[in-house]
Every structure is written in C-alpha cells, then in structure tokens.
C-alpha atoms as a PDB file:
ATOM      1  CA  PHE A   1      15.976 118.250 -58.766  1.00  0.00           C
ATOM      2  CA  SER A   2      18.497 115.521 -57.935  1.00  0.00           C
ATOM      3  CA  GLY A   3      17.435 114.827 -54.356  1.00  0.00           C
ATOM      4  CA  TYR A   4      20.675 116.282 -52.976  1.00  0.00           C
ATOM      5  CA  TYR A   5      21.734 119.621 -51.577  1.00  0.00           C
ATOM      6  CA  THR A   6      24.605 120.679 -53.808  1.00  0.00           C
ATOM      7  CA  PHE A   7      25.995 123.749 -52.082  1.00  0.00           C
ATOM      8  CA  SER A   8      28.503 123.829 -49.236  1.00  0.00           C
ATOM      9  CA  ASP A   9      27.389 124.973 -45.780  1.00  0.00           C
ATOM     10  CA  GLU A  10      28.733 128.473 -46.291  1.00  0.00           C
ATOM     11  CA  HIS A  11      26.613 129.058 -49.419  1.00  0.00           C
ATOM     12  CA  GLY A  12      23.480 127.182 -48.448  1.00  0.00           C
ATOM     13  CA  PRO A  13      20.331 128.733 -47.081  1.00  0.00           C
ATOM     14  CA  VAL A  14      19.960 129.192 -43.331  1.00  0.00           C
ATOM     15  CA  ILE A  15      16.478 129.012 -41.882  1.00  0.00           C
ATOM     16  CA  GLU A  16      15.601 129.919 -38.336  1.00  0.00           C
ATOM     17  CA  ILE A  17      12.566 127.926 -37.175  1.00  0.00           C
ATOM     18  CA  LYS A  18      10.202 129.712 -34.819  1.00  0.00           C
ATOM     19  CA  ARG A  19       7.151 127.482 -35.139  1.00  0.00           C
ATOM     20  CA  VAL A  20       6.321 124.149 -36.771  1.00  0.00           C
ATOM     21  CA  MET A  21       2.896 123.463 -38.241  1.00  0.00           C
ATOM     22  CA  TRP A  22       1.704 120.587 -40.354  1.00  0.00           C
ATOM     23  CA  ARG A  23      -1.087 119.767 -42.739  1.00  0.00           C
ATOM     24  CA  ASN A  24      -2.540 116.555 -44.084  1.00  0.00           C
ATOM     25  CA  ASP A  25      -2.134 116.412 -47.869  1.00  0.00           C
ATOM     26  CA  PRO A  26       0.185 119.442 -48.110  1.00  0.00           C
ATOM     27  CA  ILE A  27       0.511 121.528 -51.237  1.00  0.00           C
ATOM     28  CA  LEU A  28       4.199 121.627 -52.124  1.00  0.00           C
ATOM     29  CA  LEU A  29       5.336 124.431 -54.400  1.00  0.00           C
ATOM     30  CA  GLY A  30       8.663 124.760 -56.141  1.00  0.00           C
ATOM     31  CA  ALA A  31      11.227 121.986 -56.386  1.00  0.00           C
ATOM     32  CA  PRO A  32      11.717 120.547 -52.913  1.00  0.00           C
ATOM     33  CA  PRO A  33      15.025 118.684 -52.501  1.00  0.00           C
ATOM     34  CA  ILE A  34      13.420 115.270 -52.275  1.00  0.00           C
ATOM     35  CA  LYS A  35      14.599 112.040 -53.825  1.00  0.00           C
ATOM     36  CA  PRO A  36      12.912 111.374 -57.185  1.00  0.00           C
ATOM     37  CA  PRO A  37      10.372 110.471 -58.401  1.00  0.00           C
ATOM     38  CA  GLY A  38       8.681 113.008 -56.152  1.00  0.00           C
ATOM     39  CA  GLY A  39       7.556 116.462 -57.000  1.00  0.00           C
ATOM     40  CA  ASP A  40       6.318 117.736 -60.331  1.00  0.00           C
ATOM     41  CA  ARG A  41       6.709 115.414 -63.346  1.00  0.00           C
ATOM     42  CA  LEU A  42       6.321 118.459 -65.601  1.00  0.00           C
ATOM     43  CA  HIS A  43      10.053 118.959 -65.086  1.00  0.00           C
ATOM     44  CA  ASP A  44      10.568 115.673 -66.992  1.00  0.00           C
ATOM     45  CA  PHE A  45       7.999 116.125 -69.767  1.00  0.00           C
ATOM     46  CA  LEU A  46       9.167 119.526 -70.976  1.00  0.00           C
ATOM     47  CA  PRO A  47      12.868 118.604 -71.478  1.00  0.00           C
ATOM     48  CA  ALA A  48      11.817 115.335 -73.132  1.00  0.00           C
ATOM     49  CA  ALA A  49       9.569 117.211 -75.566  1.00  0.00           C
ATOM     50  CA  GLN A  50      12.310 119.745 -76.314  1.00  0.00           C
ATOM     51  CA  LEU A  51      14.876 117.001 -76.967  1.00  0.00           C
ATOM     52  CA  TRP A  52      12.406 115.131 -79.198  1.00  0.00           C
ATOM     53  CA  LYS A  53      11.809 118.255 -81.299  1.00  0.00           C
ATOM     54  CA  ARG A  54      15.538 118.967 -81.639  1.00  0.00           C
ATOM     55  CA  LEU A  55      16.308 115.357 -82.571  1.00  0.00           C
ATOM     56  CA  GLU A  56      13.597 115.275 -85.241  1.00  0.00           C
ATOM     57  CA  GLU A  57      15.190 118.357 -86.826  1.00  0.00           C
ATOM     58  CA  LYS A  58      18.570 116.570 -87.095  1.00  0.00           C
ATOM     59  CA  VAL A  59      17.950 112.816 -87.552  1.00  0.00           C
ATOM     60  CA  ALA A  60      15.223 110.586 -88.972  1.00  0.00           C
ATOM     61  CA  GLY A  61      13.336 107.774 -87.292  1.00  0.00           C
ATOM     62  CA  VAL A  62      12.787 109.210 -83.792  1.00  0.00           C
ATOM     63  CA  ARG A  63       9.623 107.656 -82.332  1.00  0.00           C
ATOM     64  CA  GLY A  64       9.697 109.144 -78.851  1.00  0.00           C
ATOM     65  CA  VAL A  65      11.750 110.578 -75.999  1.00  0.00           C
ATOM     66  CA  GLY A  66      11.227 110.008 -72.308  1.00  0.00           C
ATOM     67  CA  ILE A  67      12.942 110.792 -69.042  1.00  0.00           C
ATOM     68  CA  MET A  68      12.743 108.058 -66.439  1.00  0.00           C
ATOM     69  CA  PRO A  69      11.119 109.331 -63.212  1.00  0.00           C
ATOM     70  CA  ALA A  70      13.945 108.045 -61.037  1.00  0.00           C
ATOM     71  CA  GLY A  71      16.407 109.806 -63.326  1.00  0.00           C
ATOM     72  CA  ALA A  72      16.227 113.054 -61.361  1.00  0.00           C
ATOM     73  CA  GLY A  73      15.341 115.565 -64.041  1.00  0.00           C
ATOM     74  CA  GLY A  74      17.073 114.053 -67.033  1.00  0.00           C
ATOM     75  CA  PHE A  75      19.904 111.942 -65.664  1.00  0.00           C
ATOM     76  CA  ILE A  76      18.333 108.923 -67.425  1.00  0.00           C
ATOM     77  CA  THR A  77      16.991 109.788 -70.872  1.00  0.00           C
ATOM     78  CA  VAL A  78      15.438 107.275 -73.289  1.00  0.00           C
ATOM     79  CA  VAL A  79      15.095 107.744 -77.044  1.00  0.00           C
ATOM     80  CA  ALA A  80      13.046 105.297 -79.126  1.00  0.00           C
ATOM     81  CA  ILE A  81      13.890 105.021 -82.818  1.00  0.00           C
ATOM     82  CA  ASP A  82      13.011 103.042 -85.902  1.00  0.00           C
ATOM     83  CA  GLN A  83      16.465 101.965 -87.057  1.00  0.00           C
ATOM     84  CA  GLU A  84      16.904 102.746 -90.714  1.00  0.00           C
ATOM     85  CA  TYR A  85      20.573 101.800 -91.275  1.00  0.00           C
ATOM     86  CA  GLU A  86      23.662 100.421 -89.542  1.00  0.00           C
ATOM     87  CA  GLY A  87      24.924 102.900 -86.956  1.00  0.00           C
ATOM     88  CA  HIS A  88      21.642 104.824 -86.810  1.00  0.00           C
ATOM     89  CA  ALA A  89      21.251 104.309 -83.037  1.00  0.00           C
ATOM     90  CA  LYS A  90      24.751 105.617 -82.365  1.00  0.00           C
ATOM     91  CA  GLU A  91      24.138 108.634 -84.596  1.00  0.00           C
ATOM     92  CA  VAL A  92      20.967 109.416 -82.647  1.00  0.00           C
ATOM     93  CA  ALA A  93      22.886 109.121 -79.352  1.00  0.00           C
ATOM     94  CA  ASN A  94      25.641 111.450 -80.540  1.00  0.00           C
ATOM     95  CA  THR A  95      23.098 113.951 -81.822  1.00  0.00           C
ATOM     96  CA  ALA A  96      21.211 113.807 -78.518  1.00  0.00           C
ATOM     97  CA  PHE A  97      24.400 114.779 -76.673  1.00  0.00           C
ATOM     98  CA  VAL A  98      24.921 117.739 -78.978  1.00  0.00           C
ATOM     99  CA  VAL A  99      21.364 119.102 -78.957  1.00  0.00           C
ATOM    100  CA  GLY A 100      20.052 117.704 -75.676  1.00  0.00           C
ATOM    101  CA  GLY A 101      20.243 118.172 -71.971  1.00  0.00           C
ATOM    102  CA  LEU A 102      22.698 117.215 -69.301  1.00  0.00           C
ATOM    103  CA  GLY A 103      21.763 113.570 -68.766  1.00  0.00           C
ATOM    104  CA  ARG A 104      24.234 110.997 -67.491  1.00  0.00           C
ATOM    105  CA  PHE A 105      22.643 107.887 -69.028  1.00  0.00           C
ATOM    106  CA  LEU A 106      21.211 107.821 -72.540  1.00  0.00           C
ATOM    107  CA  LEU A 107      19.339 104.718 -73.641  1.00  0.00           C
ATOM    108  CA  VAL A 108      18.464 104.274 -77.297  1.00  0.00           C
ATOM    109  CA  VAL A 109      15.764 101.646 -77.780  1.00  0.00           C
ATOM    110  CA  ASP A 110      13.754 100.238 -80.679  1.00  0.00           C
ATOM    111  CA  GLY A 111      10.580 101.996 -81.760  1.00  0.00           C
ATOM    112  CA  ASP A 112       8.407  99.218 -80.308  1.00  0.00           C
ATOM    113  CA  ILE A 113       9.403 100.375 -76.800  1.00  0.00           C
ATOM    114  CA  ASP A 114       7.501 103.266 -75.210  1.00  0.00           C
ATOM    115  CA  PRO A 115      10.233 105.495 -73.692  1.00  0.00           C
ATOM    116  CA  SER A 116       7.804 106.791 -71.062  1.00  0.00           C
ATOM    117  CA  LYS A 117       7.180 103.300 -69.638  1.00  0.00           C
ATOM    118  CA  GLU A 118       9.964 102.373 -67.251  1.00  0.00           C
ATOM    119  CA  GLN A 119       9.177  98.634 -67.273  1.00  0.00           C
ATOM    120  CA  GLU A 120       9.354  98.430 -71.084  1.00  0.00           C
ATOM    121  CA  VAL A 121      12.638 100.333 -71.132  1.00  0.00           C
ATOM    122  CA  LEU A 122      14.214  98.124 -68.462  1.00  0.00           C
ATOM    123  CA  TRP A 123      12.999  94.994 -70.263  1.00  0.00           C
ATOM    124  CA  ALA A 124      14.576  96.198 -73.512  1.00  0.00           C
ATOM    125  CA  LEU A 125      17.797  97.013 -71.678  1.00  0.00           C
ATOM    126  CA  ALA A 126      17.891  93.592 -70.023  1.00  0.00           C
ATOM    127  CA  THR A 127      17.114  91.594 -73.162  1.00  0.00           C
ATOM    128  CA  ARG A 128      18.560  93.626 -76.039  1.00  0.00           C
ATOM    129  CA  CYS A 129      21.690  95.336 -74.720  1.00  0.00           C
ATOM    130  CA  ASP A 130      24.923  93.346 -74.998  1.00  0.00           C
ATOM    131  CA  PRO A 131      27.393  95.158 -72.696  1.00  0.00           C
ATOM    132  CA  GLN A 132      30.338  94.188 -74.890  1.00  0.00           C
ATOM    133  CA  ASP A 133      28.980  95.882 -77.999  1.00  0.00           C
ATOM    134  CA  SER A 134      26.264  98.248 -76.787  1.00  0.00           C
ATOM    135  CA  VAL A 135      27.774 100.308 -73.959  1.00  0.00           C
ATOM    136  CA  GLU A 136      29.939 103.370 -74.520  1.00  0.00           C
ATOM    137  CA  ILE A 137      31.372 105.802 -71.977  1.00  0.00           C
ATOM    138  CA  VAL A 138      31.864 109.356 -73.206  1.00  0.00           C
ATOM    139  CA  ASN A 139      34.203 111.521 -71.106  1.00  0.00           C
ATOM    140  CA  GLY A 140      34.432 115.300 -70.807  1.00  0.00           C
ATOM    141  CA  CYS A 141      30.737 116.075 -71.321  1.00  0.00           C
ATOM    142  CA  ARG A 142      29.185 119.335 -70.167  1.00  0.00           C
ATOM    143  CA  SER A 143      27.418 119.173 -66.814  1.00  0.00           C
ATOM    144  CA  THR A 144      25.876 121.590 -64.315  1.00  0.00           C
ATOM    145  CA  LEU A 145      26.922 122.952 -60.943  1.00  0.00           C
ATOM    146  CA  LEU A 146      23.830 121.222 -59.519  1.00  0.00           C
ATOM    147  CA  ASP A 147      25.187 117.800 -60.517  1.00  0.00           C
ATOM    148  CA  PRO A 148      25.803 115.916 -57.238  1.00  0.00           C
ATOM    149  CA  LEU A 149      28.918 114.262 -58.724  1.00  0.00           C
ATOM    150  CA  ILE A 150      30.756 117.563 -59.195  1.00  0.00           C
ATOM    151  CA  PRO A 151      33.151 117.967 -56.239  1.00  0.00           C
ATOM    152  CA  PRO A 152      32.747 121.175 -54.160  1.00  0.00           C
ATOM    153  CA  GLY A 153      36.258 122.341 -55.109  1.00  0.00           C
ATOM    154  CA  LYS A 154      35.421 122.162 -58.781  1.00  0.00           C
ATOM    155  CA  ARG A 155      32.199 124.113 -58.188  1.00  0.00           C
ATOM    156  CA  ALA A 156      34.174 126.887 -56.517  1.00  0.00           C
ATOM    157  CA  GLU A 157      36.481 127.260 -59.547  1.00  0.00           C
ATOM    158  CA  GLY A 158      33.619 128.729 -61.565  1.00  0.00           C
ATOM    159  CA  GLU A 159      34.533 126.827 -64.755  1.00  0.00           C
ATOM    160  CA  GLN A 160      32.052 124.773 -66.739  1.00  0.00           C
ATOM    161  CA  PRO A 161      31.928 121.407 -64.929  1.00  0.00           C
ATOM    162  CA  THR A 162      32.290 118.194 -66.898  1.00  0.00           C
ATOM    163  CA  THR A 163      31.407 114.593 -66.210  1.00  0.00           C
ATOM    164  CA  SER A 164      31.143 111.345 -68.140  1.00  0.00           C
ATOM    165  CA  ARG A 165      28.058 109.908 -69.792  1.00  0.00           C
ATOM    166  CA  VAL A 166      26.971 106.403 -70.714  1.00  0.00           C
ATOM    167  CA  VAL A 167      25.290 105.417 -73.960  1.00  0.00           C
ATOM    168  CA  LEU A 168      23.299 102.158 -73.860  1.00  0.00           C
ATOM    169  CA  LEU A 169      22.124 100.895 -77.238  1.00  0.00           C
ATOM    170  CA  SER A 170      19.239  98.458 -76.764  1.00  0.00           C
ATOM    171  CA  CYS A 171      18.220  98.036 -80.363  1.00  0.00           C
END
C-alpha cells in the first residue's frame, strides 16, 4: 500500500519468470506495490469512513474525514470539523490518534473544507496553518511492520513498531 517493498530479500517473494505476456488496459487485482495514488481507492474510503464513525461517537462537530490519495493508505488523514470551543481541533486530533488508523500526518481543517478534495486541503494548510502554533510532533505512536520508515532490524525484533506523527491544525 505504501509503494515500497518492506521485507528483506530473505523474506520476500521469489518469482521465476518463464514467459512474459502483456495486455493493453490490464486488470490488476490485489494491491500491487505501486506508488500511490494508483490501485484501488476503496482502500482509502473504508478507513476514512471507519474513522469518521469512531470520531462521531467520541467528539462533536466532525464534518468529514478523508485520506489524501498520495497518502499511501492513510499516511495523510484529513478531518474537517466545525470548531465549537477553544482547543476543539486538538481534542479531535488526539481522539483520532486513539480511535483511528496508523497515519503519519493528521490535518484538522475547518468544516468549510472538503477533506476529500486535495486542493482545498492544501489551500487551507497553506493559508490557515501557522507552523509556530499549529504544528505538533507526537512521538512513540503505534505503527505497522509495513511502514517503510521502520528499519529492518526493528522489524526482525517482533515488537510493536513505533514512529512519530505530525498534527497540523488548519482551523
């Protein structure tokens, strides 16, 4: 899903090629290791819908959840909210980490931004996010063995891998 092979040579698949054939307009099944935003966007819509449902159960004001296509299956998640009080955006971000997926970047934007529209999200980030006050790095967050940032040695240990995450508040 990330566009990278994540296993070492000794654990990766070995394929012996006997014949090569090709087809115009091929039908690709599964999750080919191609750089996003290729493949099936269903892999983005389902986690976004699940996160939206979980957030609505915990916090008020959630208007939408989206996963940016280039975010490789959730590495860039966007949550749109109607801010109801001071600190609401940060509360939503913290709740999203607790109930949500394994994303690396979480953007919380105002409710007038459609989280499924990359251009709107980037515009909000560029015009409404002050890096001094609106960017937070959270260390020690749960990750997955398929995360391309997890070093091979750490994968071999068999422990739950961790990485850092970034919260960008653009509201």
